[in-house]
Amino acid sequence: MDYFRSASTTTITANKNDTIIFYTVTGNLSEIKKKINTTNANSVIDMKNGYTILHYAVGLENTDIIKYILDCGGDTKIKTKQGKDSYELANEKNRVFIHSYYITKKEDENYKLRSANDELKYKVKTLEDKIEYGNKSSDGFNLKINKLTEENTTLKRKVDECAKRINKLEKDLDESTTAFTNLLKKQRKN
């Protein structure tokens, strides 16, 4: 860990990441926030020893920077040239911090997923209720349609019976008219 405390940008590296590594080593979180985001949290590497900015933050025990880098997607499993990852470089306190961070993050994700799941369950229940209401309404409409169809059939039957009666009455009327006309003709002849 003494390597971290005595580091300066000239002894750490001689590449374009000097400034960001310098801000990490000096604990300048506000400047790190300007330079590091979710797209580059793991790409700033000291080429001399393979340290990422997370390795430096862990080695220097700066929990604010560690948290920020982890929030940006910093990978604790990246190994240095000596084959050590962030956990191996961290003291016990920071190991606990990193584990606690991941547990909290997983709990937050779990809470969000449960909330989303509850919301989806509510939407599913609402849709099921609407479908059930629609089916009941549909069943009610089907019953009404069936009743109206039966009434229509009955009325058609009555119309047919009425038409038959009308035909019979018209025949009877024609026969009666013919009989009456014939009777009148006979009476005129007499």
C-alpha atoms as a PDB file:
ATOM      1  CA  MET A   1       0.000   0.000   0.000  1.00  0.00           C
ATOM      2  CA  ASP A   2       2.967   2.357   0.417  1.00  0.00           C
ATOM      3  CA  TYR A   3       3.288   2.447  -3.358  1.00  0.00           C
ATOM      4  CA  PHE A   4      -0.041   4.279  -3.525  1.00  0.00           C
ATOM      5  CA  ARG A   5       0.840   6.855  -0.908  1.00  0.00           C
ATOM      6  CA  SER A   6       4.104   7.881  -2.567  1.00  0.00           C
ATOM      7  CA  ALA A   7       2.787   7.860  -6.115  1.00  0.00           C
ATOM      8  CA  SER A   8       2.766  10.931  -8.253  1.00  0.00           C
ATOM      9  CA  THR A   9       1.646  11.218 -11.825  1.00  0.00           C
ATOM     10  CA  THR A  10       5.176  11.131 -13.156  1.00  0.00           C
ATOM     11  CA  THR A  11       6.070   7.967 -11.290  1.00  0.00           C
ATOM     12  CA  ILE A  12       2.778   6.260 -12.011  1.00  0.00           C
ATOM     13  CA  THR A  13       2.555   6.501 -15.748  1.00  0.00           C
ATOM     14  CA  ALA A  14       3.541   8.377 -18.815  1.00  0.00           C
ATOM     15  CA  ASN A  15       0.382   8.009 -20.904  1.00  0.00           C
ATOM     16  CA  LYS A  16      -2.808   9.987 -21.529  1.00  0.00           C
ATOM     17  CA  ASN A  17      -4.455   8.658 -18.342  1.00  0.00           C
ATOM     18  CA  ASP A  18      -2.018  10.598 -16.097  1.00  0.00           C
ATOM     19  CA  THR A  19      -4.524  13.279 -15.184  1.00  0.00           C
ATOM     20  CA  ILE A  20      -7.314  10.901 -14.184  1.00  0.00           C
ATOM     21  CA  ILE A  21      -4.926   8.717 -12.211  1.00  0.00           C
ATOM     22  CA  PHE A  22      -3.545  11.852 -10.546  1.00  0.00           C
ATOM     23  CA  TYR A  23      -7.082  12.898  -9.523  1.00  0.00           C
ATOM     24  CA  THR A  24      -7.672   9.403  -8.140  1.00  0.00           C
ATOM     25  CA  VAL A  25      -4.405   9.343  -6.175  1.00  0.00           C
ATOM     26  CA  THR A  26      -5.038  12.835  -4.781  1.00  0.00           C
ATOM     27  CA  GLY A  27      -8.699  12.023  -3.982  1.00  0.00           C
ATOM     28  CA  ASN A  28     -10.194  14.715  -6.218  1.00  0.00           C
ATOM     29  CA  LEU A  29     -13.673  13.215  -6.674  1.00  0.00           C
ATOM     30  CA  SER A  30     -15.178  16.283  -8.354  1.00  0.00           C
ATOM     31  CA  GLU A  31     -12.589  16.106 -11.167  1.00  0.00           C
ATOM     32  CA  ILE A  32     -12.968  12.322 -11.432  1.00  0.00           C
ATOM     33  CA  LYS A  33     -16.726  12.810 -11.908  1.00  0.00           C
ATOM     34  CA  LYS A  34     -15.974  15.103 -14.849  1.00  0.00           C
ATOM     35  CA  LYS A  35     -13.734  12.510 -16.501  1.00  0.00           C
ATOM     36  CA  ILE A  36     -15.140   9.084 -15.557  1.00  0.00           C
ATOM     37  CA  ASN A  37     -18.523   7.667 -16.455  1.00  0.00           C
ATOM     38  CA  THR A  38     -20.146   4.314 -17.269  1.00  0.00           C
ATOM     39  CA  THR A  39     -18.343   4.112 -20.602  1.00  0.00           C
ATOM     40  CA  ASN A  40     -14.782   4.466 -19.338  1.00  0.00           C
ATOM     41  CA  ALA A  41     -14.691   3.374 -15.673  1.00  0.00           C
ATOM     42  CA  ASN A  42     -12.503   0.366 -16.516  1.00  0.00           C
ATOM     43  CA  SER A  43     -10.473   1.816 -19.360  1.00  0.00           C
ATOM     44  CA  VAL A  44      -8.171   4.121 -17.416  1.00  0.00           C
ATOM     45  CA  ILE A  45      -5.214   1.856 -16.675  1.00  0.00           C
ATOM     46  CA  ASP A  46      -1.687   2.591 -15.508  1.00  0.00           C
ATOM     47  CA  MET A  47       0.240   0.672 -18.177  1.00  0.00           C
ATOM     48  CA  LYS A  48       3.301   0.287 -15.933  1.00  0.00           C
ATOM     49  CA  ASN A  49       1.607  -1.964 -13.362  1.00  0.00           C
ATOM     50  CA  GLY A  50      -1.869  -2.635 -14.825  1.00  0.00           C
ATOM     51  CA  TYR A  51      -3.682  -0.719 -12.069  1.00  0.00           C
ATOM     52  CA  THR A  52      -7.115   0.694 -12.835  1.00  0.00           C
ATOM     53  CA  ILE A  53      -8.371   3.758 -11.028  1.00  0.00           C
ATOM     54  CA  LEU A  54     -10.408   1.381  -8.855  1.00  0.00           C
ATOM     55  CA  HIS A  55      -7.187  -0.365  -7.801  1.00  0.00           C
ATOM     56  CA  TYR A  56      -5.755   3.016  -6.768  1.00  0.00           C
ATOM     57  CA  ALA A  57      -8.917   4.103  -4.939  1.00  0.00           C
ATOM     58  CA  VAL A  58      -9.001   0.779  -3.060  1.00  0.00           C
ATOM     59  CA  GLY A  59      -5.305   0.965  -2.237  1.00  0.00           C
ATOM     60  CA  LEU A  60      -5.692   4.506  -0.954  1.00  0.00           C
ATOM     61  CA  GLU A  61      -8.827   3.534   1.002  1.00  0.00           C
ATOM     62  CA  ASN A  62     -10.918   6.325  -0.539  1.00  0.00           C
ATOM     63  CA  THR A  63     -14.452   4.985  -0.153  1.00  0.00           C
ATOM     64  CA  ASP A  64     -16.082   7.965  -1.914  1.00  0.00           C
ATOM     65  CA  ILE A  65     -14.057   7.352  -5.064  1.00  0.00           C
ATOM     66  CA  ILE A  66     -14.456   3.583  -4.739  1.00  0.00           C
ATOM     67  CA  LYS A  67     -18.257   4.013  -4.567  1.00  0.00           C
ATOM     68  CA  TYR A  68     -18.303   6.411  -7.514  1.00  0.00           C
ATOM     69  CA  ILE A  69     -16.188   4.104  -9.690  1.00  0.00           C
ATOM     70  CA  LEU A  70     -18.336   1.104  -8.705  1.00  0.00           C
ATOM     71  CA  ASP A  71     -21.481   3.125  -9.542  1.00  0.00           C
ATOM     72  CA  CYS A  72     -19.936   3.756 -12.974  1.00  0.00           C
ATOM     73  CA  GLY A  73     -19.415   0.023 -13.458  1.00  0.00           C
ATOM     74  CA  GLY A  74     -15.905  -0.385 -12.110  1.00  0.00           C
ATOM     75  CA  ASP A  75     -14.936  -4.062 -12.273  1.00  0.00           C
ATOM     76  CA  THR A  76     -13.451  -5.446  -9.057  1.00  0.00           C
ATOM     77  CA  LYS A  77     -12.245  -8.577 -10.871  1.00  0.00           C
ATOM     78  CA  ILE A  78      -9.733  -6.838 -13.171  1.00  0.00           C
ATOM     79  CA  LYS A  79      -6.253  -7.997 -12.185  1.00  0.00           C
ATOM     80  CA  THR A  80      -3.064  -5.989 -12.012  1.00  0.00           C
ATOM     81  CA  LYS A  81       0.143  -7.156 -13.700  1.00  0.00           C
ATOM     82  CA  GLN A  82       0.939  -8.868 -10.402  1.00  0.00           C
ATOM     83  CA  GLY A  83      -2.343 -10.828 -10.732  1.00  0.00           C
ATOM     84  CA  LYS A  84      -4.241  -9.101  -7.911  1.00  0.00           C
ATOM     85  CA  ASP A  85      -7.809  -7.853  -8.169  1.00  0.00           C
ATOM     86  CA  SER A  86      -9.368  -5.008  -6.154  1.00  0.00           C
ATOM     87  CA  TYR A  87     -10.402  -7.317  -3.310  1.00  0.00           C
ATOM     88  CA  GLU A  88      -6.859  -8.567  -2.900  1.00  0.00           C
ATOM     89  CA  LEU A  89      -5.500  -5.014  -2.857  1.00  0.00           C
ATOM     90  CA  ALA A  90      -8.105  -3.792  -0.368  1.00  0.00           C
ATOM     91  CA  ASN A  91      -7.662  -3.861   3.375  1.00  0.00           C
ATOM     92  CA  GLU A  92     -10.367  -5.643   5.413  1.00  0.00           C
ATOM     93  CA  LYS A  93     -12.355  -2.419   5.900  1.00  0.00           C
ATOM     94  CA  ASN A  94     -12.593  -1.794   2.155  1.00  0.00           C
ATOM     95  CA  ARG A  95     -13.360  -5.438   1.402  1.00  0.00           C
ATOM     96  CA  VAL A  96     -16.334  -5.087   3.735  1.00  0.00           C
ATOM     97  CA  PHE A  97     -17.221  -1.792   2.025  1.00  0.00           C
ATOM     98  CA  ILE A  98     -17.102  -3.340  -1.465  1.00  0.00           C
ATOM     99  CA  HIS A  99     -19.151  -6.355  -0.375  1.00  0.00           C
ATOM    100  CA  SER A 100     -21.616  -4.054   1.392  1.00  0.00           C
ATOM    101  CA  TYR A 101     -21.829  -1.912  -1.759  1.00  0.00           C
ATOM    102  CA  TYR A 102     -22.694  -4.938  -3.898  1.00  0.00           C
ATOM    103  CA  ILE A 103     -25.199  -6.231  -1.359  1.00  0.00           C
ATOM    104  CA  THR A 104     -26.886  -2.817  -1.223  1.00  0.00           C
ATOM    105  CA  LYS A 105     -26.846  -2.591  -5.010  1.00  0.00           C
ATOM    106  CA  LYS A 106     -28.384  -6.078  -5.310  1.00  0.00           C
ATOM    107  CA  GLU A 107     -30.988  -5.178  -2.668  1.00  0.00           C
ATOM    108  CA  ASP A 108     -31.835  -2.008  -4.618  1.00  0.00           C
ATOM    109  CA  GLU A 109     -32.102  -3.996  -7.850  1.00  0.00           C
ATOM    110  CA  ASN A 110     -34.219  -6.597  -6.050  1.00  0.00           C
ATOM    111  CA  TYR A 111     -36.492  -3.872  -4.645  1.00  0.00           C
ATOM    112  CA  LYS A 112     -36.877  -2.269  -8.085  1.00  0.00           C
ATOM    113  CA  LEU A 113     -37.594  -5.642  -9.681  1.00  0.00           C
ATOM    114  CA  ARG A 114     -40.125  -6.511  -6.977  1.00  0.00           C
ATOM    115  CA  SER A 115     -41.794  -3.116  -7.442  1.00  0.00           C
ATOM    116  CA  ALA A 116     -41.876  -3.595 -11.204  1.00  0.00           C
ATOM    117  CA  ASN A 117     -43.175  -7.133 -10.688  1.00  0.00           C
ATOM    118  CA  ASP A 118     -45.922  -5.871  -8.334  1.00  0.00           C
ATOM    119  CA  GLU A 119     -46.866  -3.220 -10.888  1.00  0.00           C
ATOM    120  CA  LEU A 120     -47.011  -5.851 -13.635  1.00  0.00           C
ATOM    121  CA  LYS A 121     -49.105  -8.134 -11.416  1.00  0.00           C
ATOM    122  CA  TYR A 122     -51.502  -5.240 -10.821  1.00  0.00           C
ATOM    123  CA  LYS A 123     -51.743  -4.566 -14.560  1.00  0.00           C
ATOM    124  CA  VAL A 124     -52.310  -8.276 -15.251  1.00  0.00           C
ATOM    125  CA  LYS A 125     -55.040  -8.397 -12.572  1.00  0.00           C
ATOM    126  CA  THR A 126     -56.669  -5.274 -14.015  1.00  0.00           C
ATOM    127  CA  LEU A 127     -56.617  -6.787 -17.511  1.00  0.00           C
ATOM    128  CA  GLU A 128     -57.984 -10.090 -16.200  1.00  0.00           C
ATOM    129  CA  ASP A 129     -60.798  -8.200 -14.447  1.00  0.00           C
ATOM    130  CA  LYS A 130     -61.588  -6.349 -17.667  1.00  0.00           C
ATOM    131  CA  ILE A 131     -61.568  -9.598 -19.611  1.00  0.00           C
ATOM    132  CA  GLU A 132     -63.838 -11.232 -17.029  1.00  0.00           C
ATOM    133  CA  TYR A 133     -66.201  -8.254 -17.142  1.00  0.00           C
ATOM    134  CA  GLY A 134     -66.100  -8.366 -20.932  1.00  0.00           C
ATOM    135  CA  ASN A 135     -66.864 -12.087 -20.873  1.00  0.00           C
ATOM    136  CA  LYS A 136     -69.721 -11.554 -18.420  1.00  0.00           C
ATOM    137  CA  SER A 137     -71.007  -8.679 -20.517  1.00  0.00           C
ATOM    138  CA  SER A 138     -70.553 -10.811 -23.582  1.00  0.00           C
ATOM    139  CA  ASP A 139     -72.380 -13.678 -21.881  1.00  0.00           C
ATOM    140  CA  GLY A 140     -75.143 -11.251 -20.928  1.00  0.00           C
ATOM    141  CA  PHE A 141     -75.285  -9.951 -24.473  1.00  0.00           C
ATOM    142  CA  ASN A 142     -75.273 -13.500 -25.815  1.00  0.00           C
ATOM    143  CA  LEU A 143     -78.207 -14.349 -23.517  1.00  0.00           C
ATOM    144  CA  LYS A 144     -80.056 -11.242 -24.706  1.00  0.00           C
ATOM    145  CA  ILE A 145     -79.244 -12.090 -28.325  1.00  0.00           C
ATOM    146  CA  ASN A 146     -80.456 -15.672 -27.808  1.00  0.00           C
ATOM    147  CA  LYS A 147     -83.667 -14.404 -26.172  1.00  0.00           C
ATOM    148  CA  LEU A 148     -84.232 -11.895 -28.974  1.00  0.00           C
ATOM    149  CA  THR A 149     -83.524 -14.597 -31.551  1.00  0.00           C
ATOM    150  CA  GLU A 150     -86.099 -16.853 -29.889  1.00  0.00           C
ATOM    151  CA  GLU A 151     -88.606 -13.995 -29.781  1.00  0.00           C
ATOM    152  CA  ASN A 152     -87.872 -13.253 -33.444  1.00  0.00           C
ATOM    153  CA  THR A 153     -88.390 -16.910 -34.359  1.00  0.00           C
ATOM    154  CA  THR A 154     -91.677 -16.964 -32.440  1.00  0.00           C
ATOM    155  CA  LEU A 155     -92.800 -13.765 -34.147  1.00  0.00           C
ATOM    156  CA  LYS A 156     -91.861 -15.151 -37.581  1.00  0.00           C
ATOM    157  CA  ARG A 157     -93.886 -18.270 -36.813  1.00  0.00           C
ATOM    158  CA  LYS A 158     -96.839 -16.077 -35.801  1.00  0.00           C
ATOM    159  CA  VAL A 159     -96.392 -14.002 -38.982  1.00  0.00           C
ATOM    160  CA  ASP A 160     -96.435 -17.225 -41.038  1.00  0.00           C
ATOM    161  CA  GLU A 161     -99.557 -18.434 -39.198  1.00  0.00           C
ATOM    162  CA  CYS A 162    -101.150 -15.038 -39.755  1.00  0.00           C
ATOM    163  CA  ALA A 163    -100.264 -15.161 -43.455  1.00  0.00           C
ATOM    164  CA  LYS A 164    -101.852 -18.613 -43.715  1.00  0.00           C
ATOM    165  CA  ARG A 165    -105.002 -17.322 -42.017  1.00  0.00           C
ATOM    166  CA  ILE A 166    -105.049 -14.310 -44.307  1.00  0.00           C
ATOM    167  CA  ASN A 167    -104.707 -16.604 -47.332  1.00  0.00           C
ATOM    168  CA  LYS A 168    -107.522 -18.807 -45.994  1.00  0.00           C
ATOM    169  CA  LEU A 169    -109.676 -15.770 -45.244  1.00  0.00           C
ATOM    170  CA  GLU A 170    -108.983 -14.332 -48.695  1.00  0.00           C
ATOM    171  CA  LYS A 171    -109.966 -17.680 -50.243  1.00  0.00           C
ATOM    172  CA  ASP A 172    -113.064 -17.792 -48.084  1.00  0.00           C
ATOM    173  CA  LEU A 173    -113.801 -14.184 -49.000  1.00  0.00           C
ATOM    174  CA  ASP A 174    -113.273 -14.916 -52.698  1.00  0.00           C
ATOM    175  CA  GLU A 175    -115.547 -17.960 -52.423  1.00  0.00           C
ATOM    176  CA  SER A 176    -118.120 -15.986 -50.479  1.00  0.00           C
ATOM    177  CA  THR A 177    -117.902 -13.105 -52.978  1.00  0.00           C
ATOM    178  CA  THR A 178    -118.245 -15.523 -55.871  1.00  0.00           C
ATOM    179  CA  ALA A 179    -121.144 -17.292 -54.159  1.00  0.00           C
ATOM    180  CA  PHE A 180    -122.796 -13.980 -53.396  1.00  0.00           C
ATOM    181  CA  THR A 181    -122.292 -12.742 -56.955  1.00  0.00           C
ATOM    182  CA  ASN A 182    -123.749 -15.979 -58.299  1.00  0.00           C
ATOM    183  CA  LEU A 183    -126.687 -15.669 -55.907  1.00  0.00           C
ATOM    184  CA  LEU A 184    -127.335 -12.133 -57.102  1.00  0.00           C
ATOM    185  CA  LYS A 185    -127.188 -13.215 -60.728  1.00  0.00           C
ATOM    186  CA  LYS A 186    -129.736 -15.944 -60.039  1.00  0.00           C
ATOM    187  CA  GLN A 187    -132.006 -13.531 -58.329  1.00  0.00           C
ATOM    188  CA  ARG A 188    -131.864 -11.085 -61.217  1.00  0.00           C
ATOM    189  CA  LYS A 189    -132.752 -13.791 -63.634  1.00  0.00           C
ATOM    190  CA  ASN A 190    -135.749 -14.703 -61.641  1.00  0.00           C
END
